[in-house]
Protein backbone atom coordinates (compact mmCIF):
# COMPACT_ATOMS: atom_id res chain seq x y z
CA MET A 1 142.27 -123.36 63.40
CA LYS A 2 142.18 -121.52 60.41
CA ASN A 3 144.00 -124.13 58.30
CA LEU A 4 142.23 -126.78 59.82
CA ARG A 5 138.56 -124.91 58.89
CA LEU A 6 140.01 -124.07 55.20
CA GLU A 7 140.58 -127.87 55.25
CA LYS A 8 137.06 -128.96 56.39
CA ILE A 9 135.37 -126.40 53.99
CA LYS A 10 136.97 -128.13 50.97
CA GLN A 11 136.10 -131.50 52.49
CA ILE A 12 132.49 -130.19 52.97
CA ILE A 13 131.88 -128.89 49.63
CA THR A 14 133.33 -132.47 47.64
CA THR A 15 130.99 -134.29 49.70
CA HIS A 16 127.97 -131.73 50.23
CA GLU A 17 125.99 -130.14 47.90
CA VAL A 18 125.90 -126.79 49.79
CA ASN A 19 124.12 -123.71 47.81
CA THR A 20 124.68 -120.96 50.05
CA GLN A 21 126.93 -119.65 52.42
CA ASN A 22 124.21 -120.10 55.22
CA GLU A 23 124.42 -123.65 54.39
CA LEU A 24 127.95 -123.72 54.66
CA LEU A 25 127.59 -121.41 58.04
CA THR A 26 125.24 -124.35 59.28
CA ILE A 27 127.53 -127.06 58.37
CA LEU A 28 130.17 -125.78 59.99
CA GLN A 29 128.83 -125.17 62.83
CA LYS A 30 127.47 -128.71 63.25
CA GLU A 31 131.05 -129.88 63.16
CA GLY A 32 132.20 -127.72 65.79
CA PHE A 33 133.72 -125.09 64.02
CA ASN A 34 132.29 -121.87 65.99
CA VAL A 35 132.25 -119.26 62.75
CA THR A 36 130.06 -116.49 61.80
CA GLN A 37 128.60 -116.01 58.46
CA ALA A 38 131.56 -113.11 57.52
CA THR A 39 134.00 -115.45 58.49
CA VAL A 40 132.64 -117.84 55.96
CA SER A 41 132.49 -115.41 53.41
CA ARG A 42 136.48 -114.67 53.94
CA ASP A 43 137.01 -118.49 53.75
CA ILE A 44 135.32 -118.93 50.71
CA ASN A 45 137.15 -115.97 49.06
CA ARG A 46 140.48 -117.02 50.25
CA LEU A 47 139.77 -120.64 48.88
CA MET A 48 138.81 -118.92 45.67
CA LEU A 49 135.59 -121.21 45.55
CA MET A 50 133.22 -120.37 42.86
CA LYS A 51 129.68 -121.22 42.11
CA ILE A 52 129.13 -123.99 39.36
CA PRO A 53 125.67 -125.50 37.73
CA THR A 54 124.30 -128.59 39.77
CA GLY A 55 122.45 -129.77 36.20
CA THR A 56 119.14 -129.34 38.52
CA GLY A 57 118.94 -125.47 37.90
CA ARG A 58 120.95 -124.66 40.95
CA TYR A 59 124.53 -123.70 41.84
CA ARG A 60 126.75 -125.59 44.19
CA TYR A 61 130.17 -123.97 45.60
CA ALA A 62 133.29 -126.13 44.40
CA CYS A 63 136.75 -125.51 44.32
CA ARG A 64 138.30 -124.16 40.85
CA THR A 65 140.14 -126.91 40.43
CA ASP A 66 136.92 -129.55 41.15
CA SER A 67 137.54 -132.42 39.06
CA SER A 68 134.26 -133.44 38.84
CA HIS A 69 132.87 -130.45 36.82
CA SER A 70 134.54 -130.01 33.45
CA TYR A 71 135.42 -126.55 32.57
CA SER A 72 134.81 -126.61 28.69
CA ILE A 73 134.77 -123.58 27.03
CA LYS A 74 131.24 -124.14 25.97
CA GLY A 75 130.02 -124.64 29.39
CA HIS A 76 131.36 -121.64 30.48
CA LEU A 77 129.79 -119.87 27.61
CA ARG A 78 126.40 -121.37 28.35
CA ILE A 79 126.67 -120.14 32.19
CA PHE A 80 127.89 -116.52 30.78
CA GLN A 81 124.71 -116.58 28.11
CA ASP A 82 122.29 -118.12 30.74
CA SER A 83 123.37 -115.65 33.83
CA VAL A 84 123.91 -112.26 32.52
CA LEU A 85 121.06 -109.69 32.73
CA SER A 86 122.65 -106.40 31.61
CA MET A 87 125.84 -104.47 31.29
CA ASP A 88 126.76 -100.87 31.56
CA PHE A 89 130.26 -99.20 31.64
CA SER A 90 131.58 -95.37 33.17
CA GLU A 91 135.20 -94.48 32.32
CA ASN A 92 137.36 -97.77 32.68
CA ILE A 93 134.83 -99.98 34.09
CA ILE A 94 132.01 -102.51 32.77
CA VAL A 95 129.41 -103.18 35.30
CA MET A 96 127.63 -106.37 34.83
CA HIS A 97 124.43 -107.37 36.54
CA THR A 98 124.21 -111.64 36.83
CA LEU A 99 121.29 -113.65 38.09
CA PRO A 100 121.53 -114.39 42.09
CA GLY A 101 124.52 -116.33 42.76
CA SER A 102 126.08 -116.23 39.36
CA ALA A 103 128.93 -113.48 39.28
CA GLU A 104 131.67 -115.55 40.39
CA ALA A 105 130.93 -118.02 37.51
CA VAL A 106 130.50 -115.25 34.83
CA ALA A 107 134.03 -113.66 36.37
CA PHE A 108 135.68 -116.87 36.15
CA PHE A 109 134.69 -117.18 32.31
CA ILE A 110 135.95 -113.60 31.78
CA ASP A 111 139.08 -114.21 33.29
CA TYR A 112 139.54 -117.30 31.51
CA ILE A 113 138.87 -116.15 27.76
CA LYS A 114 141.84 -113.74 28.68
CA PHE A 115 140.74 -110.59 26.73
CA PRO A 116 144.30 -108.40 26.70
CA GLU A 117 142.19 -105.14 27.38
CA ILE A 118 140.80 -106.62 30.76
CA LEU A 119 142.92 -105.93 34.05
CA GLY A 120 140.67 -108.05 36.33
CA THR A 121 137.60 -108.90 37.42
CA LEU A 122 135.74 -108.37 41.15
CA ALA A 123 132.72 -110.14 41.74
CA GLY A 124 130.01 -110.63 44.46
CA ASP A 125 126.56 -112.30 44.37
CA ASN A 126 124.89 -111.09 41.26
CA THR A 127 126.86 -108.27 40.30
CA LEU A 128 130.51 -108.02 39.37
CA LEU A 129 133.05 -105.47 37.83
CA ILE A 130 135.58 -105.71 34.71
CA ILE A 131 138.04 -103.21 35.25
CA ILE A 132 139.60 -101.84 31.60
CA LYS A 133 142.95 -101.20 31.06
CA SER A 134 141.91 -97.83 29.74
CA ASN A 135 138.73 -95.67 29.22
CA ILE A 136 139.38 -95.71 25.38
CA ILE A 137 138.99 -99.17 25.07
CA THR A 138 136.30 -99.73 27.71
CA THR A 139 133.18 -99.89 24.41
CA THR A 140 135.72 -102.09 22.20
CA VAL A 141 135.32 -104.69 25.49
CA LEU A 142 131.93 -103.97 26.23
CA LYS A 143 130.81 -104.85 22.34
CA LYS A 144 133.05 -108.22 22.86
CA LEU A 145 131.14 -109.05 25.48
CA GLN A 146 127.53 -108.63 23.88
CA THR A 147 128.94 -110.25 21.03
CA LEU A 148 129.58 -113.48 23.35
CA LEU A 149 126.01 -113.00 24.54
CA LYS A 150 124.65 -113.49 21.27
CA MET A 151 127.28 -116.24 19.74
CA SER A 152 125.94 -119.70 19.19
CA ILE A 153 127.71 -122.45 21.55
CA HIS A 154 128.10 -124.66 18.02
CA LYS A 155 130.27 -122.00 16.68
CA THR A 156 132.27 -121.04 19.43
CA CYS A 157 136.15 -120.52 18.79
CA LEU A 158 137.77 -118.62 21.77
């Protein structure tokens, strides 16, 4: 049943503009799947869905391999710059706050540029953690991220 549900979720987000977990939950229930919000949340993580801009100021769920959205570096940089609200660190962890629903997209961008000092990211709805290999280089990574926030889209060379 789980595999069938996961396939249905992929179909739904391809054919509908799904902006929230509750919207996905409602559609699944209408399709006859008896699921809870917690199950939908786990399924979103299993499928590694992310939120992408719709072009109308909103975001929708999409598969990372969704060919209807071009994953250009400039587009990702724009999402990063438009979404990040603040950054701070402790030891080897950078905590980044974003606009609601944007943390996954920002984490994807950070993973995409592959800083060698970063072990990985962990995103929630509006907060993400960036785990650095050593607390000695955390401030260096923080400065790189702050530079990306100020970088001109037209001069992007990552």
